[in-house]
């Protein structure tokens, strides 16, 4: 029988994991209740005042050092062992979507958790519960920042532009703001578990995500009586329609390998039906799997939008804001997570994910530190749709939190040897400074006259 130092270290880690799981089992009902409470009180990005207070109060009650008002509504709770070692960020997202008609939508705002972020907060708190066990804490080094970040859903662009103009934010995503404000300086490893709808009852690992930029577009025409003197007006809605048709005409030029997605909406179509529309607004994303494709597609979209103004004699203002960078997850960290996820639900229930054309600001984090974003496949319905629901809270909150927390133990036990090895081997695509420079370079604001 092997009795060397390595064997003892493994035994110690198993004991830590056993204590970790027991601590969570004793509070599982509480953790699910918190997630369901957030579900019933949805708030969209940079408006999550109730949700952030709930999280901040929980952090305080459980003895974490708490920072509030981070990136307007974000909250960070710090767990520090008091011993030097790796610094890990365990993240959760505070915000909801706007999905009127969802069974848990706010009747006044239409906000709804149609992407499962309420379960993310639950799984993040689950990690905290297990690590706060005194037996567990004594066996670890380093520290963990529990980051409840606002505004992952890239929506309500006019509102976020107003926050930017007022100096309240610079970037439209919460984790981007956390990076800008310096909260990822010194972080070595980051993780977040999203809900998913792949094979039910599984955890998904690996994969990658598209990146994107956001555009707000304003066509300015000239108002006139729509019945009596339309010839005196300049129809901004016609300009927008031509611009959108020109965007659609570009679709055959998008390469399949780049997984390009462009999906505009008209947010204002005119003021009154009997007046020639003189102010029409559009929001759109330009998504792709790589930055060169995002930039080249952006140029095509701008050219198409300008064509609508040129054809009708309107003017068009195109504001481009940095969106999210493509996500690339760390294979070494994935393997540590895989082992722990399998210990909870079995090897066959840990599945590999493919590239997805959705975007997330976890992608931005993945460009500067070793990152994973597994999925807890515990939902039904269509993501971002009125029927999207978390059905299995045991998987989405409790087991998802356990899988992350067991991974944290592997990274911070044994004097942080494994965490240091993974962090040290990660070849970051960019530094924080380079990241900020790149993101600021995406921004532009141009008006094109007739």
Foldseek 3Di string as FASTA:
>chain_A
DDDDPVVVLVVLLVVLLVLLLVLLVVCVVVLLVQLVVLQLVAAAFLGLQVQLVVLQVVLVVLPFDWDACQLHGKIKTKFALPADAAEEEEEAERHFDQAALFPRADPPRSTGRLFSRSLQSSLLVSLVSSCSPPSNSVQFHGMYMYIHWGQFDQDPVVVVVVCVVVVSAPARGRVLSCLVVPVCVRHAEYETATAAADDAPFKEWFAKEKFKKKKKKKKFKAKDFQPPCCVVIQASLQLQVQLVVQLVVCVVVQDVQFVWDKDKDKPDRADDPRMRRGITMMMIMTITQADVSNVVSVVSSVVSSVVSCVVRQIKMKMWMAGTAHMAGAQPLLRVLLLVLLCVPRHNVRYHYDYYDHDGGNVRVVRLAHHYIYMHQNQWDDDRVHSRTDRHDSCRSRNSSSSSVSSSVSVCTGPPRVNVCVSSVPDDRNDHSVVSVVVRVVRTDIDMGGD
